[in-house]
C-alpha cells in the first residue's frame, strides 16, 4: 500500500494545475518552488504510483520525451515543438474521423499530433 507524503501532494498539485502535459523534469522544477529538496527520483516514483492508481496518464508522442497529465483533462490532441520538445494542447477535436477508417472498420480511439515550432522558439 502506497502512502502519501508532502512531496507526492506537491507533485500531484503541479500536474493537476498544469495547462499542458509535463515531463518529469518540468514537474520536478515546478514542485521545487514549494519543496526545494525534491529529487527527480521522488517525482518518478510518484508518477509511477499516480499512473498505477489511474489519477495521471502517460502521454506518449513520437519525437517527444514521456509527458504526464491529470486524467480529469478532457479528450484533446497535441502540438509538439520540434525545437524545445514541449507538448501543447490543441483545442477541439476533428469531426468525422470515424469516416476516415477503411470500410467495415470500427474506430475505438484516436490521437492527433501536429509538429512545428512554438512562439518562443520562433522568436529565438
C-alpha atoms as a PDB file:
ATOM      1  CA  UNK A   1       0.000   0.000   0.000  1.00  0.00           C
ATOM      2  CA  UNK A   2       1.409   3.384  -1.006  1.00  0.00           C
ATOM      3  CA  UNK A   3       1.404   6.198   1.465  1.00  0.00           C
ATOM      4  CA  UNK A   4       1.003   9.921   0.854  1.00  0.00           C
ATOM      5  CA  UNK A   5       3.816  12.338   1.570  1.00  0.00           C
ATOM      6  CA  UNK A   6       4.106  16.109   1.298  1.00  0.00           C
ATOM      7  CA  UNK A   7       6.293  15.610  -1.790  1.00  0.00           C
ATOM      8  CA  UNK A   8       3.644  13.466  -3.517  1.00  0.00           C
ATOM      9  CA  UNK A   9       0.941  16.006  -2.706  1.00  0.00           C
ATOM     10  CA  UNK A  10       3.047  18.775  -4.261  1.00  0.00           C
ATOM     11  CA  UNK A  11       3.823  16.674  -7.365  1.00  0.00           C
ATOM     12  CA  UNK A  12       0.143  15.862  -7.735  1.00  0.00           C
ATOM     13  CA  UNK A  13      -0.832  19.531  -7.407  1.00  0.00           C
ATOM     14  CA  UNK A  14       1.687  20.580 -10.070  1.00  0.00           C
ATOM     15  CA  UNK A  15       0.238  18.058 -12.530  1.00  0.00           C
ATOM     16  CA  UNK A  16      -3.377  18.909 -11.727  1.00  0.00           C
ATOM     17  CA  UNK A  17      -2.833  22.678 -12.123  1.00  0.00           C
ATOM     18  CA  UNK A  18      -0.858  22.476 -15.368  1.00  0.00           C
ATOM     19  CA  UNK A  19      -2.447  23.640 -18.600  1.00  0.00           C
ATOM     20  CA  UNK A  20      -0.294  21.261 -20.655  1.00  0.00           C
ATOM     21  CA  UNK A  21       1.356  17.845 -20.340  1.00  0.00           C
ATOM     22  CA  UNK A  22       4.626  17.943 -18.365  1.00  0.00           C
ATOM     23  CA  UNK A  23       7.840  15.929 -18.398  1.00  0.00           C
ATOM     24  CA  UNK A  24       9.175  14.579 -15.100  1.00  0.00           C
ATOM     25  CA  UNK A  25      11.833  17.327 -15.179  1.00  0.00           C
ATOM     26  CA  UNK A  26       9.146  20.009 -15.725  1.00  0.00           C
ATOM     27  CA  UNK A  27       7.239  18.592 -12.755  1.00  0.00           C
ATOM     28  CA  UNK A  28      10.337  18.482 -10.560  1.00  0.00           C
ATOM     29  CA  UNK A  29      11.307  22.080 -11.363  1.00  0.00           C
ATOM     30  CA  UNK A  30       7.787  23.381 -10.685  1.00  0.00           C
ATOM     31  CA  UNK A  31       7.465  21.388  -7.453  1.00  0.00           C
ATOM     32  CA  UNK A  32      10.824  22.651  -6.158  1.00  0.00           C
ATOM     33  CA  UNK A  33       9.249  26.087  -5.755  1.00  0.00           C
ATOM     34  CA  UNK A  34       7.338  24.656  -2.768  1.00  0.00           C
ATOM     35  CA  UNK A  35       9.736  21.864  -1.806  1.00  0.00           C
ATOM     36  CA  UNK A  36      13.331  22.835  -2.781  1.00  0.00           C
ATOM     37  CA  UNK A  37      14.855  19.497  -1.752  1.00  0.00           C
ATOM     38  CA  UNK A  38      12.590  17.433  -4.013  1.00  0.00           C
ATOM     39  CA  UNK A  39      14.554  14.980  -6.147  1.00  0.00           C
ATOM     40  CA  UNK A  40      13.779  13.622  -9.592  1.00  0.00           C
ATOM     41  CA  UNK A  41      13.650  10.047  -8.209  1.00  0.00           C
ATOM     42  CA  UNK A  42      10.738  11.063  -5.977  1.00  0.00           C
ATOM     43  CA  UNK A  43       8.966  12.538  -8.992  1.00  0.00           C
ATOM     44  CA  UNK A  44       9.391   9.286 -10.947  1.00  0.00           C
ATOM     45  CA  UNK A  45       8.158   7.177  -8.001  1.00  0.00           C
ATOM     46  CA  UNK A  46       5.170   9.473  -7.583  1.00  0.00           C
ATOM     47  CA  UNK A  47       4.353   9.314 -11.307  1.00  0.00           C
ATOM     48  CA  UNK A  48       4.530   5.527 -11.250  1.00  0.00           C
ATOM     49  CA  UNK A  49       2.108   5.445  -8.326  1.00  0.00           C
ATOM     50  CA  UNK A  50      -0.279   8.012  -9.857  1.00  0.00           C
ATOM     51  CA  UNK A  51      -0.378   6.212 -13.218  1.00  0.00           C
ATOM     52  CA  UNK A  52      -0.989   2.915 -11.420  1.00  0.00           C
ATOM     53  CA  UNK A  53      -3.847   4.458  -9.431  1.00  0.00           C
ATOM     54  CA  UNK A  54      -5.310   5.986 -12.582  1.00  0.00           C
ATOM     55  CA  UNK A  55      -5.138   9.644 -11.500  1.00  0.00           C
ATOM     56  CA  UNK A  56      -2.436  10.585 -14.027  1.00  0.00           C
ATOM     57  CA  UNK A  57      -1.987   9.428 -17.598  1.00  0.00           C
ATOM     58  CA  UNK A  58       1.197   8.959 -19.568  1.00  0.00           C
ATOM     59  CA  UNK A  59       1.227  10.902 -22.847  1.00  0.00           C
ATOM     60  CA  UNK A  60       3.476   9.260 -25.415  1.00  0.00           C
ATOM     61  CA  UNK A  61       4.119  11.217 -28.606  1.00  0.00           C
ATOM     62  CA  UNK A  62       6.722  10.144 -31.192  1.00  0.00           C
ATOM     63  CA  UNK A  63       9.679  12.513 -31.053  1.00  0.00           C
ATOM     64  CA  UNK A  64       8.962  13.716 -27.522  1.00  0.00           C
ATOM     65  CA  UNK A  65      10.033  12.508 -24.097  1.00  0.00           C
ATOM     66  CA  UNK A  66       7.288  10.986 -21.914  1.00  0.00           C
ATOM     67  CA  UNK A  67       4.852  13.577 -20.607  1.00  0.00           C
ATOM     68  CA  UNK A  68       2.176  13.287 -17.931  1.00  0.00           C
ATOM     69  CA  UNK A  69      -1.185  14.950 -17.369  1.00  0.00           C
ATOM     70  CA  UNK A  70      -4.084  14.671 -14.948  1.00  0.00           C
ATOM     71  CA  UNK A  71      -6.886  12.344 -16.069  1.00  0.00           C
ATOM     72  CA  UNK A  72      -9.528  14.993 -15.383  1.00  0.00           C
ATOM     73  CA  UNK A  73      -8.477  16.781 -18.558  1.00  0.00           C
ATOM     74  CA  UNK A  74     -10.942  16.133 -21.394  1.00  0.00           C
ATOM     75  CA  UNK A  75     -10.003  14.393 -24.656  1.00  0.00           C
ATOM     76  CA  UNK A  76      -7.638  16.576 -26.678  1.00  0.00           C
ATOM     77  CA  UNK A  77      -4.760  16.473 -29.118  1.00  0.00           C
ATOM     78  CA  UNK A  78      -1.262  17.890 -29.105  1.00  0.00           C
ATOM     79  CA  UNK A  79       1.208  20.220 -30.792  1.00  0.00           C
ATOM     80  CA  UNK A  80       4.878  19.222 -30.368  1.00  0.00           C
ATOM     81  CA  UNK A  81       7.501  21.934 -30.763  1.00  0.00           C
ATOM     82  CA  UNK A  82      10.330  20.339 -32.720  1.00  0.00           C
ATOM     83  CA  UNK A  83      12.922  22.606 -31.093  1.00  0.00           C
ATOM     84  CA  UNK A  84      12.119  22.689 -27.363  1.00  0.00           C
ATOM     85  CA  UNK A  85      10.178  19.354 -27.348  1.00  0.00           C
ATOM     86  CA  UNK A  86       7.344  20.829 -25.271  1.00  0.00           C
ATOM     87  CA  UNK A  87       3.833  19.497 -25.806  1.00  0.00           C
ATOM     88  CA  UNK A  88       0.939  21.925 -26.052  1.00  0.00           C
ATOM     89  CA  UNK A  89      -2.765  21.122 -26.100  1.00  0.00           C
ATOM     90  CA  UNK A  90      -4.824  21.673 -29.227  1.00  0.00           C
ATOM     91  CA  UNK A  91      -8.339  22.996 -28.783  1.00  0.00           C
ATOM     92  CA  UNK A  92     -11.177  20.835 -30.029  1.00  0.00           C
ATOM     93  CA  UNK A  93     -11.247  17.590 -31.941  1.00  0.00           C
ATOM     94  CA  UNK A  94     -11.527  16.635 -35.590  1.00  0.00           C
ATOM     95  CA  UNK A  95     -15.101  15.780 -36.527  1.00  0.00           C
ATOM     96  CA  UNK A  96     -15.945  12.832 -38.746  1.00  0.00           C
ATOM     97  CA  UNK A  97     -12.754  10.931 -38.005  1.00  0.00           C
ATOM     98  CA  UNK A  98     -14.657   7.623 -37.995  1.00  0.00           C
ATOM     99  CA  UNK A  99     -15.364   8.113 -41.711  1.00  0.00           C
ATOM    100  CA  UNK A 100     -11.599   8.023 -42.404  1.00  0.00           C
ATOM    101  CA  UNK A 101     -11.347   4.374 -41.358  1.00  0.00           C
ATOM    102  CA  UNK A 102     -11.471   1.702 -44.074  1.00  0.00           C
ATOM    103  CA  UNK A 103     -14.901   0.264 -44.829  1.00  0.00           C
ATOM    104  CA  UNK A 104     -16.008  -2.232 -42.200  1.00  0.00           C
ATOM    105  CA  UNK A 105     -13.544  -0.991 -39.554  1.00  0.00           C
ATOM    106  CA  UNK A 106     -14.557   0.409 -36.163  1.00  0.00           C
ATOM    107  CA  UNK A 107     -12.616   3.296 -34.607  1.00  0.00           C
ATOM    108  CA  UNK A 108     -12.198   2.941 -30.835  1.00  0.00           C
ATOM    109  CA  UNK A 109      -9.896   5.909 -30.217  1.00  0.00           C
ATOM    110  CA  UNK A 110      -7.544   8.291 -31.981  1.00  0.00           C
ATOM    111  CA  UNK A 111      -4.623  10.631 -31.379  1.00  0.00           C
ATOM    112  CA  UNK A 112      -3.609  13.621 -33.469  1.00  0.00           C
ATOM    113  CA  UNK A 113      -0.255  15.383 -33.135  1.00  0.00           C
ATOM    114  CA  UNK A 114       0.808  18.495 -35.020  1.00  0.00           C
ATOM    115  CA  UNK A 115       4.540  19.189 -35.301  1.00  0.00           C
ATOM    116  CA  UNK A 116       6.188  22.581 -35.714  1.00  0.00           C
ATOM    117  CA  UNK A 117       7.666  25.403 -33.640  1.00  0.00           C
ATOM    118  CA  UNK A 118       6.194  27.238 -30.654  1.00  0.00           C
ATOM    119  CA  UNK A 119       6.170  31.061 -30.495  1.00  0.00           C
ATOM    120  CA  UNK A 120       9.149  31.166 -28.091  1.00  0.00           C
ATOM    121  CA  UNK A 121      11.307  29.029 -30.383  1.00  0.00           C
ATOM    122  CA  UNK A 122      10.225  31.009 -33.462  1.00  0.00           C
ATOM    123  CA  UNK A 123      11.262  34.241 -31.740  1.00  0.00           C
ATOM    124  CA  UNK A 124      14.695  32.897 -30.751  1.00  0.00           C
END
